[in-house]
Structures are given as structure tokens and as C-alpha cells.
Amino acid sequence: MSHISSQAEHLQMRYVGTGHSDITKFEWAVNQHRDSFSSYIGHVPMMNFIALVENESVGRVRYRLLEKMLQPCGKPPKVDSE
């Protein structure tokens, strides 16, 4: 069992989006949104589809998605220091 947990710890240290035991709901949501936006940007057919549906240019859609990656879920919630 310890071998599996050590593998999980190694993956969590190596890849930011895999989370950890102390991850908050907000951090998890931010990771999910950023992963989705980067996937949309990286797959040209998906970008073309989004641009077609929104009647926008591909460049404008890419720019908007890149902007959303900065704060995809808004400002982080205030943390109570207890």
C-alpha cells in the first residue's frame, strides 16, 4: 500500500493539476478550468467550432480564453487565519 501512496505523492509533486490532500475546492476548480481552456486552445478543430458558434474570429476566441486562464473562477476566497 505504501508503494501506491508514494507513487501518488510523486505524481502530485510532478504535476500541479493532480492536486494534493490539502487542496481546496477553489484551487481544484481553477485547475479544472485552466486544463479545459488549454485543451480548447490546443485543439484547432475545437477552437474553430467555438469561433463558428460564437461568430467570432479564431484569434479573438483564443485571446479571450487566454485571458480567462488568469482568474478562471474569479478572485480567490478570503482565508481565515485561525
Protein backbone atom coordinates (compact mmCIF):
# COMPACT_ATOMS: atom_id res chain seq x y z
CA MET A 1 0.00 0.00 0.00
CA SER A 2 2.84 2.41 0.75
CA HIS A 3 4.22 1.93 -2.77
CA ILE A 4 0.96 3.18 -4.27
CA SER A 5 0.83 6.20 -1.97
CA SER A 6 4.45 7.07 -2.75
CA GLN A 7 3.63 6.93 -6.48
CA ALA A 8 0.67 9.25 -5.91
CA GLU A 9 2.85 11.66 -3.95
CA HIS A 10 5.44 11.64 -6.75
CA LEU A 11 2.77 12.43 -9.37
CA GLN A 12 1.32 15.21 -7.21
CA MET A 13 4.75 16.80 -6.84
CA ARG A 14 5.47 16.49 -10.57
CA TYR A 15 2.13 17.66 -11.99
CA VAL A 16 0.42 20.70 -10.48
CA GLY A 17 -3.09 19.79 -11.67
CA THR A 18 -3.24 16.43 -9.90
CA GLY A 19 -3.94 18.07 -6.57
CA HIS A 20 -2.93 17.00 -3.08
CA SER A 21 -4.59 16.13 0.20
CA ASP A 22 -4.95 19.79 1.28
CA ILE A 23 -6.33 21.22 -1.99
CA THR A 24 -9.34 23.49 -1.61
CA LYS A 25 -12.46 23.38 -3.76
CA PHE A 26 -11.47 26.71 -5.28
CA GLU A 27 -7.97 25.51 -6.25
CA TRP A 28 -9.43 22.32 -7.73
CA ALA A 29 -11.96 24.32 -9.79
CA VAL A 30 -9.21 26.67 -11.04
CA ASN A 31 -7.11 23.67 -12.15
CA GLN A 32 -10.11 22.15 -13.96
CA HIS A 33 -10.95 25.39 -15.77
CA ARG A 34 -7.35 26.02 -16.81
CA ASP A 35 -6.99 22.46 -18.08
CA SER A 36 -10.18 22.85 -20.12
CA PHE A 37 -9.16 26.21 -21.60
CA SER A 38 -5.70 24.93 -22.52
CA SER A 39 -7.27 21.90 -24.17
CA TYR A 40 -9.61 24.11 -26.22
CA ILE A 41 -6.69 26.30 -27.29
CA GLY A 42 -4.52 23.31 -28.16
CA HIS A 43 -7.10 21.56 -30.35
CA VAL A 44 -7.59 23.59 -33.53
CA PRO A 45 -10.90 21.93 -34.54
CA MET A 46 -12.35 22.81 -31.13
CA MET A 47 -11.18 26.42 -31.49
CA ASN A 48 -12.74 26.57 -34.97
CA PHE A 49 -16.01 25.20 -33.60
CA ILE A 50 -16.14 27.71 -30.73
CA ALA A 51 -15.35 30.59 -33.11
CA LEU A 52 -18.03 29.44 -35.54
CA VAL A 53 -20.70 29.07 -32.86
CA GLU A 54 -19.89 32.45 -31.29
CA ASN A 55 -19.49 34.13 -34.70
CA GLU A 56 -16.04 35.44 -33.68
CA SER A 57 -12.60 35.12 -35.21
CA VAL A 58 -10.36 32.29 -34.01
CA GLY A 59 -7.78 34.79 -32.79
CA ARG A 60 -10.32 36.64 -30.69
CA VAL A 61 -11.58 33.40 -29.13
CA ARG A 62 -8.00 32.31 -28.37
CA TYR A 63 -7.25 35.69 -26.76
CA ARG A 64 -10.42 35.54 -24.65
CA LEU A 65 -9.62 32.01 -23.44
CA LEU A 66 -6.05 33.02 -22.60
CA GLU A 67 -7.39 35.96 -20.58
CA LYS A 68 -9.77 33.66 -18.72
CA MET A 69 -6.86 31.47 -17.67
CA LEU A 70 -5.56 34.23 -15.38
CA GLN A 71 -8.51 34.03 -12.98
CA PRO A 72 -10.94 31.46 -14.39
CA CYS A 73 -13.08 31.30 -11.24
CA GLY A 74 -12.79 34.90 -10.11
CA LYS A 75 -10.82 36.17 -7.17
CA PRO A 76 -9.77 33.61 -4.57
CA PRO A 77 -11.88 33.50 -1.42
CA LYS A 78 -10.56 35.13 1.72
CA VAL A 79 -8.79 32.68 4.02
CA ASP A 80 -9.50 32.87 7.73
CA SER A 81 -6.21 32.70 9.59
CA GLU A 82 -7.04 30.64 12.64
